[in-house]
Amino acid sequence: MKYINILAGSLALSLSLASLNTTAAEAPAAKERVVIQVSDADTSKWNLALNNAKNIQQAYGAGKVDIEIVTYGPGIGMLKSDSVIAKRIEEAKQTGIAIVACQNTMKGMKLTNDDMLPNTSYVPSGVVEIIKKEREGYAYIRP
């Protein structure tokens, strides 16, 4: 009788493990997550950040990666409505890349939401946003 109980227990354990392996194999892969810092007023840095984001989307597939570009300090000027790279920023937003402006920087530079490109998103603190994203497992890039 003990042999039958052991055999039944082994069979049940094997079936449980097999179902776990099947479930793991069928589970969708987790999205890659990337946060990119732009804190320089340099157009070439902005273009590099936008190129990096685009290349990441192409490598993984736009639907398989979450990308957020966090701007603060002098870098925030590229999000102003008169930005020389406004078209590229809008194109990036349309592909699903989140671009956020630091409200601390805006306050310090006396900028309002009306001064910024349309559809700009905001965070209270750019630096804190990066810290938060890193804690959430985002890869950090600073071009």
N, C-alpha and C. Protein backbone atom coordinates (compact mmCIF):
# COMPACT_ATOMS: atom_id res chain seq x y z
N MET A 1 0.82 -1.19 0.00
CA MET A 1 0.00 0.00 0.00
C MET A 1 0.87 1.27 0.00
N LYS A 2 1.96 1.24 0.78
CA LYS A 2 2.86 2.39 0.81
C LYS A 2 3.43 2.65 -0.58
N TYR A 3 3.75 1.58 -1.31
CA TYR A 3 4.32 1.71 -2.65
C TYR A 3 3.34 2.41 -3.59
N ILE A 4 2.07 2.09 -3.50
CA ILE A 4 1.05 2.71 -4.34
C ILE A 4 0.91 4.19 -4.00
N ASN A 5 0.94 4.52 -2.71
CA ASN A 5 0.85 5.93 -2.30
C ASN A 5 2.06 6.72 -2.79
N ILE A 6 3.24 6.13 -2.71
CA ILE A 6 4.46 6.80 -3.17
C ILE A 6 4.39 6.99 -4.68
N LEU A 7 3.96 5.94 -5.39
CA LEU A 7 3.84 6.02 -6.84
C LEU A 7 2.82 7.07 -7.25
N ALA A 8 1.69 7.12 -6.58
CA ALA A 8 0.65 8.12 -6.88
C ALA A 8 1.17 9.53 -6.59
N GLY A 9 1.89 9.70 -5.50
CA GLY A 9 2.46 11.00 -5.14
C GLY A 9 3.49 11.44 -6.16
N SER A 10 4.31 10.52 -6.62
CA SER A 10 5.33 10.85 -7.63
C SER A 10 4.66 11.26 -8.94
N LEU A 11 3.62 10.52 -9.32
CA LEU A 11 2.90 10.84 -10.54
C LEU A 11 2.25 12.22 -10.44
N ALA A 12 1.64 12.53 -9.31
CA ALA A 12 1.00 13.83 -9.11
C ALA A 12 2.04 14.95 -9.17
N LEU A 13 3.21 14.74 -8.55
CA LEU A 13 4.27 15.73 -8.58
C LEU A 13 4.77 15.94 -10.00
N SER A 14 4.94 14.88 -10.74
CA SER A 14 5.40 14.99 -12.13
C SER A 14 4.41 15.77 -12.97
N LEU A 15 3.12 15.49 -12.80
CA LEU A 15 2.10 16.22 -13.55
C LEU A 15 2.08 17.70 -13.17
N SER A 16 2.27 17.98 -11.89
CA SER A 16 2.31 19.38 -11.44
C SER A 16 3.49 20.12 -12.05
N LEU A 17 4.65 19.49 -12.04
CA LEU A 17 5.84 20.12 -12.62
C LEU A 17 5.68 20.31 -14.12
N ALA A 18 5.09 19.34 -14.79
CA ALA A 18 4.86 19.47 -16.23
C ALA A 18 3.93 20.63 -16.53
N SER A 19 2.90 20.80 -15.71
CA SER A 19 1.98 21.91 -15.96
C SER A 19 2.65 23.25 -15.68
N LEU A 20 3.57 23.30 -14.70
CA LEU A 20 4.30 24.54 -14.44
C LEU A 20 5.18 24.88 -15.63
N ASN A 21 5.87 23.91 -16.20
CA ASN A 21 6.72 24.17 -17.35
C ASN A 21 5.91 24.63 -18.55
N THR A 22 4.76 24.06 -18.77
CA THR A 22 3.90 24.46 -19.87
C THR A 22 3.42 25.89 -19.66
N THR A 23 3.02 26.21 -18.44
CA THR A 23 2.54 27.57 -18.14
C THR A 23 3.66 28.58 -18.36
N ALA A 24 4.86 28.28 -17.90
CA ALA A 24 5.98 29.20 -18.06
C ALA A 24 6.31 29.39 -19.53
N ALA A 25 6.25 28.34 -20.32
CA ALA A 25 6.56 28.44 -21.73
C ALA A 25 5.50 29.24 -22.48
N GLU A 26 4.26 29.20 -22.02
CA GLU A 26 3.17 29.91 -22.70
C GLU A 26 3.05 31.35 -22.25
N ALA A 27 3.67 31.71 -21.13
CA ALA A 27 3.56 33.07 -20.60
C ALA A 27 4.26 34.04 -21.56
N PRO A 28 3.66 35.20 -21.80
CA PRO A 28 4.30 36.17 -22.68
C PRO A 28 5.58 36.71 -22.04
N ALA A 29 6.54 37.01 -22.87
CA ALA A 29 7.80 37.56 -22.38
C ALA A 29 7.55 38.94 -21.79
N ALA A 30 8.27 39.24 -20.72
CA ALA A 30 8.14 40.56 -20.09
C ALA A 30 8.69 41.63 -21.02
N LYS A 31 8.09 42.81 -20.97
CA LYS A 31 8.57 43.92 -21.79
C LYS A 31 9.92 44.39 -21.28
N GLU A 32 10.76 44.80 -22.20
CA GLU A 32 11.99 45.50 -21.83
C GLU A 32 11.57 46.90 -21.41
N ARG A 33 12.31 47.49 -20.48
CA ARG A 33 11.98 48.83 -20.01
C ARG A 33 13.26 49.65 -19.95
N VAL A 34 13.19 50.86 -20.53
CA VAL A 34 14.37 51.71 -20.64
C VAL A 34 14.00 53.14 -20.27
N VAL A 35 14.84 53.77 -19.46
CA VAL A 35 14.69 55.20 -19.17
C VAL A 35 15.94 55.90 -19.68
N ILE A 36 15.73 56.98 -20.42
CA ILE A 36 16.83 57.74 -21.02
C ILE A 36 16.84 59.15 -20.44
N GLN A 37 17.98 59.57 -19.94
CA GLN A 37 18.13 60.90 -19.36
C GLN A 37 18.63 61.88 -20.41
N VAL A 38 17.97 63.04 -20.50
CA VAL A 38 18.49 64.14 -21.32
C VAL A 38 18.45 65.39 -20.45
N SER A 39 19.65 65.83 -20.06
CA SER A 39 19.74 67.02 -19.21
C SER A 39 20.67 68.07 -19.81
N ASP A 40 21.02 67.90 -21.09
CA ASP A 40 21.88 68.85 -21.79
C ASP A 40 21.08 69.61 -22.83
N ALA A 41 21.43 70.85 -23.06
CA ALA A 41 20.75 71.67 -24.06
C ALA A 41 21.36 71.46 -25.44
N ASP A 42 22.05 70.40 -25.63
CA ASP A 42 22.77 70.09 -26.86
C ASP A 42 21.86 69.31 -27.82
N THR A 43 21.60 69.88 -28.99
CA THR A 43 20.74 69.23 -29.97
C THR A 43 21.28 67.85 -30.36
N SER A 44 22.59 67.73 -30.45
CA SER A 44 23.15 66.42 -30.85
C SER A 44 22.89 65.36 -29.78
N LYS A 45 22.87 65.74 -28.51
CA LYS A 45 22.54 64.79 -27.44
C LYS A 45 21.08 64.36 -27.55
N TRP A 46 20.22 65.34 -27.83
CA TRP A 46 18.80 65.01 -28.00
C TRP A 46 18.61 64.06 -29.17
N ASN A 47 19.26 64.36 -30.30
CA ASN A 47 19.14 63.49 -31.46
C ASN A 47 19.69 62.10 -31.16
N LEU A 48 20.76 62.03 -30.41
CA LEU A 48 21.32 60.74 -30.02
C LEU A 48 20.33 59.96 -29.15
N ALA A 49 19.71 60.65 -28.19
CA ALA A 49 18.72 60.00 -27.32
C ALA A 49 17.53 59.49 -28.15
N LEU A 50 17.06 60.30 -29.08
CA LEU A 50 15.95 59.89 -29.93
C LEU A 50 16.35 58.73 -30.84
N ASN A 51 17.57 58.77 -31.36
CA ASN A 51 18.07 57.65 -32.18
C ASN A 51 18.17 56.37 -31.35
N ASN A 52 18.70 56.50 -30.12
CA ASN A 52 18.79 55.33 -29.24
C ASN A 52 17.42 54.72 -29.00
N ALA A 53 16.44 55.56 -28.71
CA ALA A 53 15.08 55.08 -28.44
C ALA A 53 14.51 54.38 -29.67
N LYS A 54 14.69 54.97 -30.83
CA LYS A 54 14.19 54.37 -32.07
C LYS A 54 14.87 53.03 -32.34
N ASN A 55 16.18 52.97 -32.15
CA ASN A 55 16.92 51.73 -32.36
C ASN A 55 16.48 50.63 -31.39
N ILE A 56 16.19 51.01 -30.17
CA ILE A 56 15.71 50.03 -29.17
C ILE A 56 14.36 49.49 -29.61
N GLN A 57 13.48 50.38 -30.06
CA GLN A 57 12.17 49.93 -30.55
C GLN A 57 12.32 48.99 -31.74
N GLN A 58 13.22 49.31 -32.64
CA GLN A 58 13.43 48.45 -33.81
C GLN A 58 14.00 47.09 -33.42
N ALA A 59 14.87 47.08 -32.44
CA ALA A 59 15.50 45.82 -32.02
C ALA A 59 14.52 44.89 -31.32
N TYR A 60 13.68 45.44 -30.45
CA TYR A 60 12.77 44.61 -29.66
C TYR A 60 11.36 44.55 -30.25
N GLY A 61 11.01 45.55 -31.04
CA GLY A 61 9.63 45.71 -31.49
C GLY A 61 8.97 46.74 -30.59
N ALA A 62 8.32 47.72 -31.19
CA ALA A 62 7.76 48.83 -30.41
C ALA A 62 6.81 48.36 -29.32
N GLY A 63 6.07 47.29 -29.56
CA GLY A 63 5.12 46.80 -28.56
C GLY A 63 5.75 45.98 -27.46
N LYS A 64 7.05 45.72 -27.57
CA LYS A 64 7.73 44.87 -26.58
C LYS A 64 8.71 45.63 -25.71
N VAL A 65 8.67 46.95 -25.78
CA VAL A 65 9.58 47.75 -24.96
C VAL A 65 8.88 49.04 -24.54
N ASP A 66 9.07 49.42 -23.27
CA ASP A 66 8.59 50.70 -22.75
C ASP A 66 9.80 51.61 -22.64
N ILE A 67 9.72 52.76 -23.28
CA ILE A 67 10.83 53.72 -23.25
C ILE A 67 10.31 55.05 -22.75
N GLU A 68 11.04 55.63 -21.80
CA GLU A 68 10.72 56.97 -21.30
C GLU A 68 11.96 57.82 -21.34
N ILE A 69 11.85 58.97 -21.98
CA ILE A 69 12.94 59.96 -21.99
C ILE A 69 12.58 61.01 -20.95
N VAL A 70 13.45 61.17 -19.96
CA VAL A 70 13.23 62.11 -18.87
C VAL A 70 14.12 63.32 -19.10
N THR A 71 13.50 64.49 -19.15
CA THR A 71 14.26 65.72 -19.39
C THR A 71 14.20 66.63 -18.17
N TYR A 72 15.35 67.19 -17.88
CA TYR A 72 15.43 68.18 -16.80
C TYR A 72 16.64 69.06 -17.04
N GLY A 73 16.78 70.08 -16.22
CA GLY A 73 17.90 71.01 -16.39
C GLY A 73 17.85 71.65 -17.77
N PRO A 74 19.02 72.00 -18.30
CA PRO A 74 19.07 72.67 -19.61
C PRO A 74 18.43 71.85 -20.74
N GLY A 75 18.35 70.54 -20.60
CA GLY A 75 17.76 69.69 -21.63
C GLY A 75 16.29 69.95 -21.88
N ILE A 76 15.64 70.54 -20.93
CA ILE A 76 14.20 70.78 -21.06
C ILE A 76 13.87 71.78 -22.16
N GLY A 77 14.83 72.61 -22.53
CA GLY A 77 14.60 73.60 -23.58
C GLY A 77 14.18 72.98 -24.90
N MET A 78 14.58 71.75 -25.15
CA MET A 78 14.22 71.08 -26.41
C MET A 78 12.75 70.66 -26.42
N LEU A 79 12.08 70.77 -25.28
CA LEU A 79 10.65 70.47 -25.22
C LEU A 79 9.79 71.73 -25.30
N LYS A 80 10.45 72.87 -25.44
CA LYS A 80 9.69 74.12 -25.58
C LYS A 80 9.05 74.16 -26.96
N SER A 81 7.98 74.93 -27.08
CA SER A 81 7.21 74.98 -28.32
C SER A 81 8.03 75.47 -29.52
N ASP A 82 9.10 76.19 -29.29
CA ASP A 82 9.94 76.67 -30.39
C ASP A 82 11.17 75.79 -30.63
N SER A 83 11.14 74.56 -30.15
CA SER A 83 12.27 73.64 -30.26
C SER A 83 12.63 73.35 -31.71
N VAL A 84 13.93 73.32 -31.98
CA VAL A 84 14.40 73.01 -33.33
C VAL A 84 14.22 71.54 -33.69
N ILE A 85 13.97 70.70 -32.69
CA ILE A 85 13.76 69.27 -32.96
C ILE A 85 12.33 68.84 -32.61
N ALA A 86 11.43 69.80 -32.62
CA ALA A 86 10.03 69.52 -32.26
C ALA A 86 9.44 68.39 -33.10
N LYS A 87 9.75 68.38 -34.38
CA LYS A 87 9.18 67.36 -35.28
C LYS A 87 9.65 65.96 -34.87
N ARG A 88 10.92 65.83 -34.56
CA ARG A 88 11.45 64.52 -34.15
C ARG A 88 10.85 64.07 -32.83
N ILE A 89 10.65 65.01 -31.93
CA ILE A 89 10.05 64.67 -30.63
C ILE A 89 8.62 64.20 -30.82
N GLU A 90 7.87 64.87 -31.65
CA GLU A 90 6.49 64.47 -31.91
C GLU A 90 6.45 63.10 -32.58
N GLU A 91 7.35 62.84 -33.51
CA GLU A 91 7.42 61.53 -34.16
C GLU A 91 7.70 60.43 -33.13
N ALA A 92 8.60 60.71 -32.21
CA ALA A 92 8.93 59.73 -31.17
C ALA A 92 7.71 59.45 -30.30
N LYS A 93 7.00 60.49 -29.92
CA LYS A 93 5.79 60.31 -29.11
C LYS A 93 4.77 59.45 -29.84
N GLN A 94 4.65 59.65 -31.14
CA GLN A 94 3.68 58.89 -31.93
C GLN A 94 4.03 57.40 -32.01
N THR A 95 5.28 57.06 -31.81
CA THR A 95 5.68 55.65 -31.84
C THR A 95 5.59 55.01 -30.45
N GLY A 96 5.12 55.77 -29.47
CA GLY A 96 4.94 55.21 -28.13
C GLY A 96 6.04 55.54 -27.14
N ILE A 97 6.99 56.34 -27.54
CA ILE A 97 8.06 56.74 -26.61
C ILE A 97 7.51 57.85 -25.72
N ALA A 98 7.57 57.64 -24.42
CA ALA A 98 7.12 58.66 -23.47
C ALA A 98 8.24 59.67 -23.26
N ILE A 99 7.89 60.94 -23.34
CA ILE A 99 8.86 62.01 -23.11
C ILE A 99 8.28 62.91 -22.04
N VAL A 100 9.00 63.03 -20.93
CA VAL A 100 8.48 63.78 -19.79
C VAL A 100 9.40 64.94 -19.42
N ALA A 101 8.78 66.00 -18.95
CA ALA A 101 9.49 67.20 -18.52
C ALA A 101 9.42 67.33 -17.00
N CYS A 102 10.51 67.76 -16.43
CA CYS A 102 10.62 67.97 -14.98
C CYS A 102 9.96 69.29 -14.59
N GLN A 103 8.98 69.21 -13.71
CA GLN A 103 8.30 70.43 -13.26
C GLN A 103 9.18 71.29 -12.36
N ASN A 104 10.13 70.67 -11.64
CA ASN A 104 11.06 71.47 -10.84
C ASN A 104 11.88 72.39 -11.74
N THR A 105 12.38 71.83 -12.85
CA THR A 105 13.14 72.63 -13.80
C THR A 105 12.26 73.72 -14.41
N MET A 106 11.05 73.34 -14.79
CA MET A 106 10.14 74.32 -15.39
C MET A 106 9.89 75.48 -14.43
N LYS A 107 9.68 75.15 -13.18
CA LYS A 107 9.44 76.20 -12.18
C LYS A 107 10.67 77.11 -12.07
N GLY A 108 11.85 76.49 -12.01
CA GLY A 108 13.09 77.26 -11.90
C GLY A 108 13.35 78.14 -13.11
N MET A 109 12.90 77.70 -14.29
CA MET A 109 13.10 78.46 -15.53
C MET A 109 11.88 79.32 -15.86
N LYS A 110 10.91 79.33 -14.95
CA LYS A 110 9.67 80.09 -15.13
C LYS A 110 8.94 79.71 -16.42
N LEU A 111 8.87 78.41 -16.68
CA LEU A 111 8.16 77.88 -17.84
C LEU A 111 6.81 77.34 -17.39
N THR A 112 5.82 77.49 -18.25
CA THR A 112 4.50 76.92 -17.98
C THR A 112 4.22 75.84 -19.02
N ASN A 113 3.16 75.11 -18.82
CA ASN A 113 2.76 74.08 -19.79
C ASN A 113 2.50 74.70 -21.16
N ASP A 114 2.04 75.94 -21.19
CA ASP A 114 1.79 76.63 -22.46
C ASP A 114 3.07 76.91 -23.24
N ASP A 115 4.20 76.94 -22.55
CA ASP A 115 5.49 77.16 -23.22
C ASP A 115 6.03 75.90 -23.88
N MET A 116 5.42 74.77 -23.55
CA MET A 116 5.96 73.48 -23.98
C MET A 116 5.25 72.95 -25.22
N LEU A 117 5.88 71.96 -25.86
CA LEU A 117 5.26 71.29 -27.01
C LEU A 117 3.93 70.68 -26.58
N PRO A 118 2.99 70.61 -27.51
CA PRO A 118 1.72 69.96 -27.17
C PRO A 118 1.94 68.50 -26.78
N ASN A 119 1.08 68.00 -25.96
CA ASN A 119 1.11 66.59 -25.53
C ASN A 119 2.35 66.22 -24.73
N THR A 120 3.00 67.21 -24.14
CA THR A 120 4.13 66.91 -23.26
C THR A 120 3.60 66.39 -21.94
N SER A 121 4.25 65.38 -21.42
CA SER A 121 3.89 64.85 -20.10
C SER A 121 4.84 65.44 -19.07
N TYR A 122 4.41 65.43 -17.81
CA TYR A 122 5.19 66.08 -16.76
C TYR A 122 5.37 65.17 -15.56
N VAL A 123 6.50 65.33 -14.90
CA VAL A 123 6.76 64.66 -13.63
C VAL A 123 7.23 65.72 -12.64
N PRO A 124 6.96 65.53 -11.36
CA PRO A 124 7.38 66.54 -10.38
C PRO A 124 8.89 66.77 -10.38
N SER A 125 9.68 65.70 -10.49
CA SER A 125 11.13 65.79 -10.44
C SER A 125 11.74 64.80 -11.42
N GLY A 126 12.54 65.28 -12.35
CA GLY A 126 13.18 64.40 -13.32
C GLY A 126 14.12 63.40 -12.68
N VAL A 127 14.92 63.86 -11.74
CA VAL A 127 15.88 62.98 -11.07
C VAL A 127 15.14 61.89 -10.29
N VAL A 128 14.11 62.28 -9.57
CA VAL A 128 13.32 61.29 -8.81
C VAL A 128 12.64 60.31 -9.76
N GLU A 129 12.18 60.78 -10.91
CA GLU A 129 11.57 59.89 -11.90
C GLU A 129 12.55 58.82 -12.36
N ILE A 130 13.79 59.21 -12.59
CA ILE A 130 14.81 58.24 -13.00
C ILE A 130 15.07 57.24 -11.89
N ILE A 131 15.18 57.70 -10.66
CA ILE A 131 15.38 56.80 -9.52
C ILE A 131 14.22 55.81 -9.44
N LYS A 132 13.00 56.31 -9.57
CA LYS A 132 11.81 55.47 -9.52
C LYS A 132 11.85 54.41 -10.62
N LYS A 133 12.17 54.83 -11.83
CA LYS A 133 12.21 53.89 -12.96
C LYS A 133 13.29 52.83 -12.76
N GLU A 134 14.44 53.23 -12.25
CA GLU A 134 15.49 52.24 -12.00
C GLU A 134 15.04 51.23 -10.95
N ARG A 135 14.37 51.67 -9.91
CA ARG A 135 13.85 50.75 -8.90
C ARG A 135 12.83 49.80 -9.49
N GLU A 136 12.12 50.23 -10.52
CA GLU A 136 11.12 49.39 -11.20
C GLU A 136 11.76 48.44 -12.21
N GLY A 137 13.09 48.51 -12.33
CA GLY A 137 13.79 47.59 -13.21
C GLY A 137 14.11 48.13 -14.59
N TYR A 138 13.92 49.41 -14.81
CA TYR A 138 14.25 50.01 -16.10
C TYR A 138 15.77 50.07 -16.27
N ALA A 139 16.24 49.81 -17.48
CA ALA A 139 17.64 50.04 -17.81
C ALA A 139 17.84 51.54 -17.97
N TYR A 140 18.96 52.04 -17.52
CA TYR A 140 19.25 53.48 -17.55
C TYR A 140 20.26 53.81 -18.63
N ILE A 141 19.93 54.80 -19.45
CA ILE A 141 20.85 55.24 -20.51
C ILE A 141 20.96 56.75 -20.44
N ARG A 142 22.19 57.22 -20.57
CA ARG A 142 22.43 58.66 -20.69
C ARG A 142 23.38 58.88 -21.85
N PRO A 143 22.83 59.32 -22.97
CA PRO A 143 23.71 59.53 -24.15
C PRO A 143 24.64 60.72 -23.94
